[in-house]
Amino acid sequence: MANSINTNYGAQIALQNLNATNKALETTQNRVNTGLKVSSAKDNGAIFAIATSQRADMAAQDAVKNSLQRGQSIVDVALAAGDTITTALEEMKALAVNIQSSTGDAQAAYLKDFNALGKEISDAMTNASFDGVNLWTTAAGTSTAVTTNTSSGTLQLGSAAATSANAGVTAVTSGSVTATAATVTAVETAIDAVTDTLGTLGTQSKSVGRQLTFVSKFQDALETGIGNLVDADLAKESAKLTALQTKQQLGVQALSIANSSSSVLLSLFR
């Protein structure tokens, strides 16, 4: 190749290599700064689209989790009231036996305790509400739905037996039950209805708990999957950064040497 001051092929090659090094260095610095190897669609359009879609799914799973947690709270409140109700009904059964086997003042005293327990049960049923939902006073045939997935799946909370339980309990908790009505049979009917409802609610509580566990694990899997797609290996990028910085310095020196070659031609004219 002829020596020329108009064309410096060596400098052009050195500049191309330096530009390539600077571009690679910029990419590595961006990965180190963000911790991501794919931080925008410019880095990898397909991977960025997949990661964005999965992040949207994670956000939707948060809404599912909130719905399930609300449902769990509703059922837990109903179960807590159920424990109070069953304990009181057990005491009422013993009192019913005493009422039927006594007379006069003794019977009146037992009946007073019986009605006091009935009021406690009535209050527990009425106040077993969370976020405006009371599974003990829900009308027959209705239930409360909670979202279980992002595909419009739902779980119905409540028990058809709750209405029967309410009616059965009301028969012994009106607050003014007479000695004639305060029978063991009436209390046993209430106990059967309440325990039937509690069995259903207990099963639903377990179902909600399992769904919550699944959603949490699913979110963790999504987060790990997204990380596998877009997270940068910072140890690798750190080593690469050092190498590129050294290569950049050498490229600058190579360009400087290539640029000085044309000045050598001056010595031919001295």
Protein backbone atom coordinates (compact mmCIF):
# COMPACT_ATOMS: atom_id res chain seq x y z
CA MET A 1 0.00 0.00 0.00
CA ALA A 2 1.32 3.45 -0.95
CA ASN A 3 2.25 5.87 1.78
CA SER A 4 -0.27 8.74 1.71
CA ILE A 5 -1.22 11.67 3.89
CA ASN A 6 -4.78 11.64 2.44
CA THR A 7 -5.61 8.10 3.40
CA ASN A 8 -4.57 6.54 6.70
CA TYR A 9 -5.88 2.99 6.57
CA GLY A 10 -4.25 2.03 9.88
CA ALA A 11 -5.98 4.89 11.67
CA GLN A 12 -9.34 3.87 10.18
CA ILE A 13 -8.95 0.29 11.41
CA ALA A 14 -7.81 1.49 14.85
CA LEU A 15 -10.81 3.84 15.07
CA GLN A 16 -13.26 1.08 14.08
CA ASN A 17 -11.87 -1.21 16.73
CA LEU A 18 -11.97 1.55 19.35
CA ASN A 19 -15.58 2.33 18.52
CA ALA A 20 -16.49 -1.36 18.84
CA THR A 21 -14.72 -1.50 22.21
CA ASN A 22 -16.53 1.64 23.41
CA LYS A 23 -19.89 0.16 22.39
CA ALA A 24 -19.19 -3.11 24.22
CA LEU A 25 -17.98 -1.13 27.24
CA GLU A 26 -21.18 0.93 27.27
CA THR A 27 -23.27 -2.25 27.20
CA THR A 28 -21.30 -3.80 30.06
CA GLN A 29 -21.48 -0.62 32.15
CA ASN A 30 -25.26 -0.51 31.66
CA ARG A 31 -25.54 -4.12 32.84
CA VAL A 32 -23.45 -3.36 35.90
CA ASN A 33 -25.52 -0.24 36.68
CA THR A 34 -28.92 -1.90 36.27
CA GLY A 35 -28.06 -5.48 37.20
CA LEU A 36 -29.90 -6.54 34.03
CA LYS A 37 -28.63 -7.99 30.79
CA VAL A 38 -31.98 -7.10 29.18
CA SER A 39 -33.16 -3.76 30.54
CA SER A 40 -35.02 -2.56 27.44
CA ALA A 41 -36.42 -3.84 24.17
CA LYS A 42 -33.26 -2.59 22.46
CA ASP A 43 -31.20 -5.22 24.28
CA ASN A 44 -33.38 -8.17 23.21
CA GLY A 45 -36.89 -7.51 21.99
CA ALA A 46 -38.22 -11.07 22.38
CA ILE A 47 -36.86 -11.59 25.90
CA PHE A 48 -38.00 -8.12 26.97
CA ALA A 49 -41.54 -8.87 25.76
CA ILE A 50 -41.64 -12.19 27.63
CA ALA A 51 -40.30 -10.62 30.84
CA THR A 52 -42.80 -7.75 30.65
CA SER A 53 -45.68 -10.20 30.23
CA GLN A 54 -44.53 -12.24 33.22
CA ARG A 55 -44.16 -9.11 35.38
CA ALA A 56 -47.77 -8.25 34.51
CA ASP A 57 -48.78 -11.76 35.62
CA MET A 58 -46.95 -11.24 38.92
CA ALA A 59 -48.87 -8.01 39.52
CA ALA A 60 -52.12 -9.84 38.77
CA GLN A 61 -51.16 -12.56 41.26
CA ASP A 62 -50.87 -9.86 43.93
CA ALA A 63 -54.55 -9.05 43.34
CA VAL A 64 -55.41 -12.76 43.59
CA LYS A 65 -53.50 -13.01 46.86
CA ASN A 66 -55.36 -10.00 48.27
CA SER A 67 -58.70 -11.59 47.40
CA LEU A 68 -57.69 -14.90 49.00
CA GLN A 69 -56.43 -13.17 52.14
CA ARG A 70 -59.72 -11.32 52.42
CA GLY A 71 -61.60 -14.61 52.03
CA GLN A 72 -59.43 -16.28 54.63
CA SER A 73 -60.16 -13.48 57.08
CA ILE A 74 -63.91 -13.79 56.45
CA VAL A 75 -63.85 -17.54 57.13
CA ASP A 76 -61.54 -17.21 60.15
CA VAL A 77 -63.88 -14.69 61.77
CA ALA A 78 -66.83 -17.03 61.17
CA LEU A 79 -64.87 -19.96 62.65
CA ALA A 80 -63.92 -17.90 65.70
CA ALA A 81 -67.58 -17.12 66.28
CA GLY A 82 -68.39 -20.80 65.77
CA ASP A 83 -66.04 -21.79 68.58
CA THR A 84 -67.82 -19.38 70.91
CA ILE A 85 -71.21 -20.67 69.80
CA THR A 86 -70.41 -24.36 70.25
CA THR A 87 -68.89 -23.77 73.70
CA ALA A 88 -72.00 -21.91 74.79
CA LEU A 89 -74.31 -24.57 73.33
CA GLU A 90 -72.49 -27.28 75.25
CA GLU A 91 -73.16 -25.39 78.47
CA MET A 92 -76.77 -24.81 77.42
CA LYS A 93 -77.31 -28.54 76.97
CA ALA A 94 -76.35 -29.15 80.58
CA LEU A 95 -78.58 -26.29 81.69
CA ALA A 96 -81.46 -27.69 79.62
CA VAL A 97 -81.20 -30.95 81.57
CA ASN A 98 -81.28 -29.01 84.87
CA ILE A 99 -84.23 -26.89 83.72
CA GLN A 100 -86.32 -29.91 82.80
CA SER A 101 -85.49 -31.68 86.05
CA SER A 102 -86.13 -28.77 88.42
CA THR A 103 -88.94 -26.42 89.44
CA GLY A 104 -89.49 -23.12 91.14
CA ASP A 105 -86.59 -20.81 91.92
CA ALA A 106 -83.96 -23.34 90.86
CA GLN A 107 -85.54 -23.69 87.46
CA ALA A 108 -85.77 -19.90 87.13
CA ALA A 109 -82.07 -19.56 87.97
CA TYR A 110 -81.08 -22.19 85.41
CA LEU A 111 -83.32 -20.56 82.83
CA LYS A 112 -81.72 -17.20 83.49
CA ASP A 113 -78.28 -18.65 82.77
CA PHE A 114 -79.68 -20.42 79.72
CA ASN A 115 -81.00 -17.16 78.25
CA ALA A 116 -77.77 -15.31 79.10
CA LEU A 117 -75.80 -17.86 77.08
CA GLY A 118 -78.35 -17.52 74.30
CA LYS A 119 -77.69 -13.79 74.13
CA GLU A 120 -73.95 -14.42 73.94
CA ILE A 121 -74.51 -16.78 71.02
CA SER A 122 -76.78 -14.30 69.28
CA ASP A 123 -74.22 -11.51 69.72
CA ALA A 124 -71.41 -13.75 68.42
CA MET A 125 -73.42 -14.58 65.30
CA THR A 126 -74.39 -11.00 64.64
CA ASN A 127 -70.88 -9.62 65.11
CA ALA A 128 -68.99 -12.31 63.15
CA SER A 129 -68.50 -9.92 60.24
CA PHE A 130 -65.39 -9.01 58.25
CA ASP A 131 -65.45 -6.37 55.54
CA GLY A 132 -69.23 -6.40 55.63
CA VAL A 133 -69.55 -10.16 55.14
CA ASN A 134 -71.06 -12.41 57.81
CA LEU A 135 -71.19 -16.08 56.85
CA TRP A 136 -73.49 -16.88 59.77
CA THR A 137 -76.23 -14.48 58.69
CA THR A 138 -75.90 -14.91 54.91
CA ALA A 139 -79.23 -15.65 53.28
CA ALA A 140 -79.86 -19.17 52.01
CA GLY A 141 -78.52 -19.87 48.54
CA THR A 142 -76.01 -17.01 48.57
CA SER A 143 -72.29 -17.08 49.17
CA THR A 144 -69.20 -14.91 48.95
CA ALA A 145 -66.80 -15.50 46.05
CA VAL A 146 -63.04 -14.99 46.25
CA THR A 147 -60.75 -14.94 43.24
CA THR A 148 -58.36 -17.89 43.05
CA ASN A 149 -56.50 -17.23 39.79
CA THR A 150 -56.07 -14.76 36.93
CA SER A 151 -58.45 -16.74 34.69
CA SER A 152 -61.58 -15.66 36.59
CA GLY A 153 -61.54 -18.75 38.83
CA THR A 154 -63.44 -18.33 42.09
CA LEU A 155 -64.05 -20.16 45.35
CA GLN A 156 -67.44 -19.80 47.01
CA LEU A 157 -67.37 -19.21 50.76
CA GLY A 158 -70.33 -19.91 52.98
CA SER A 159 -72.59 -22.79 53.87
CA ALA A 160 -76.17 -23.54 53.00
CA ALA A 161 -76.40 -24.99 56.50
CA ALA A 162 -75.68 -21.58 58.00
CA THR A 163 -79.30 -20.58 57.55
CA SER A 164 -80.44 -23.75 59.32
CA ALA A 165 -77.89 -23.13 62.03
CA ASN A 166 -79.16 -19.61 62.45
CA ALA A 167 -82.73 -20.83 62.71
CA GLY A 168 -81.81 -23.63 65.09
CA VAL A 169 -79.81 -21.34 67.32
CA THR A 170 -82.52 -18.68 67.27
CA ALA A 171 -84.92 -21.20 68.76
CA VAL A 172 -82.81 -21.31 71.92
CA THR A 173 -81.32 -17.80 71.89
CA SER A 174 -84.25 -15.44 71.61
CA GLY A 175 -83.37 -14.06 75.03
CA SER A 176 -86.69 -15.05 76.56
CA VAL A 177 -86.87 -18.80 76.05
CA THR A 178 -89.38 -20.44 78.37
CA ALA A 179 -88.71 -23.52 80.44
CA THR A 180 -90.89 -25.51 78.07
CA ALA A 181 -88.80 -24.52 75.03
CA ALA A 182 -85.41 -24.94 76.75
CA THR A 183 -85.12 -28.61 75.95
CA VAL A 184 -82.17 -30.86 75.29
CA THR A 185 -83.65 -31.71 71.90
CA ALA A 186 -83.76 -28.04 70.88
CA VAL A 187 -80.16 -27.52 71.94
CA GLU A 188 -79.00 -30.68 70.17
CA THR A 189 -80.73 -29.51 66.99
CA ALA A 190 -78.83 -26.24 67.23
CA ILE A 191 -75.54 -28.04 67.90
CA ASP A 192 -76.00 -30.30 64.87
CA ALA A 193 -76.73 -27.33 62.59
CA VAL A 194 -73.78 -25.31 63.90
CA THR A 195 -71.27 -28.17 63.67
CA ASP A 196 -72.46 -28.91 60.13
CA THR A 197 -71.76 -25.30 59.20
CA LEU A 198 -68.41 -25.33 60.96
CA GLY A 199 -67.36 -28.45 59.04
CA THR A 200 -68.04 -26.71 55.73
CA LEU A 201 -66.31 -23.51 56.79
CA GLY A 202 -63.30 -25.46 58.06
CA THR A 203 -62.92 -27.19 54.70
CA GLN A 204 -63.19 -23.86 52.90
CA SER A 205 -60.58 -22.32 55.19
CA LYS A 206 -58.14 -25.09 54.29
CA SER A 207 -58.88 -24.61 50.59
CA VAL A 208 -58.17 -20.88 50.81
CA GLY A 209 -54.96 -21.58 52.73
CA ARG A 210 -53.77 -24.04 50.07
CA GLN A 211 -54.57 -21.54 47.33
CA LEU A 212 -52.58 -18.85 49.14
CA THR A 213 -49.60 -21.19 49.44
CA PHE A 214 -49.82 -22.00 45.74
CA VAL A 215 -50.03 -18.35 44.70
CA SER A 216 -46.98 -17.48 46.82
CA LYS A 217 -44.96 -20.33 45.32
CA PHE A 218 -46.17 -19.43 41.83
CA GLN A 219 -45.04 -15.82 42.29
CA ASP A 220 -41.63 -17.00 43.49
CA ALA A 221 -41.32 -19.23 40.42
CA LEU A 222 -42.30 -16.36 38.12
CA GLU A 223 -39.77 -14.05 39.75
CA THR A 224 -37.02 -16.65 39.40
CA GLY A 225 -37.96 -17.27 35.78
CA ILE A 226 -37.86 -13.56 34.95
CA GLY A 227 -34.49 -13.31 36.67
CA ASN A 228 -33.13 -16.16 34.58
CA LEU A 229 -34.17 -14.27 31.46
CA VAL A 230 -33.04 -10.73 32.22
CA ASP A 231 -30.63 -10.68 35.19
CA ALA A 232 -26.96 -10.06 34.46
CA ASP A 233 -24.15 -12.21 35.85
CA LEU A 234 -22.40 -9.40 37.72
CA ALA A 235 -19.27 -11.44 38.46
CA LYS A 236 -18.86 -12.10 34.75
CA GLU A 237 -19.72 -8.51 33.82
CA SER A 238 -17.19 -7.19 36.37
CA ALA A 239 -14.39 -9.21 34.80
CA LYS A 240 -15.52 -8.16 31.34
CA LEU A 241 -15.60 -4.50 32.39
CA THR A 242 -11.96 -4.59 33.49
CA ALA A 243 -10.90 -6.26 30.23
CA LEU A 244 -12.80 -3.74 28.10
CA GLN A 245 -11.39 -0.77 30.00
CA THR A 246 -7.88 -2.09 29.34
CA LYS A 247 -8.76 -2.75 25.71
CA GLN A 248 -10.09 0.80 25.41
CA GLN A 249 -6.83 2.28 26.67
CA LEU A 250 -4.86 0.13 24.23
CA GLY A 251 -7.20 1.17 21.42
CA VAL A 252 -6.57 4.84 22.17
CA GLN A 253 -2.84 4.23 22.07
CA ALA A 254 -3.14 2.24 18.82
CA LEU A 255 -5.11 5.09 17.24
CA SER A 256 -2.52 7.58 18.41
CA ILE A 257 0.25 5.51 16.85
CA ALA A 258 -1.68 5.15 13.59
CA ASN A 259 -2.33 8.90 13.45
CA SER A 260 1.36 9.68 13.89
CA SER A 261 2.38 7.57 10.90
CA SER A 262 1.65 10.36 8.42
CA SER A 263 4.08 12.68 10.19
CA VAL A 264 6.87 10.21 9.40
CA LEU A 265 6.50 11.18 5.75
CA LEU A 266 7.81 14.68 6.62
CA SER A 267 11.26 13.24 7.22
CA LEU A 268 11.43 12.23 3.55
CA PHE A 269 11.32 15.89 2.54
CA ARG A 270 14.04 17.21 4.80
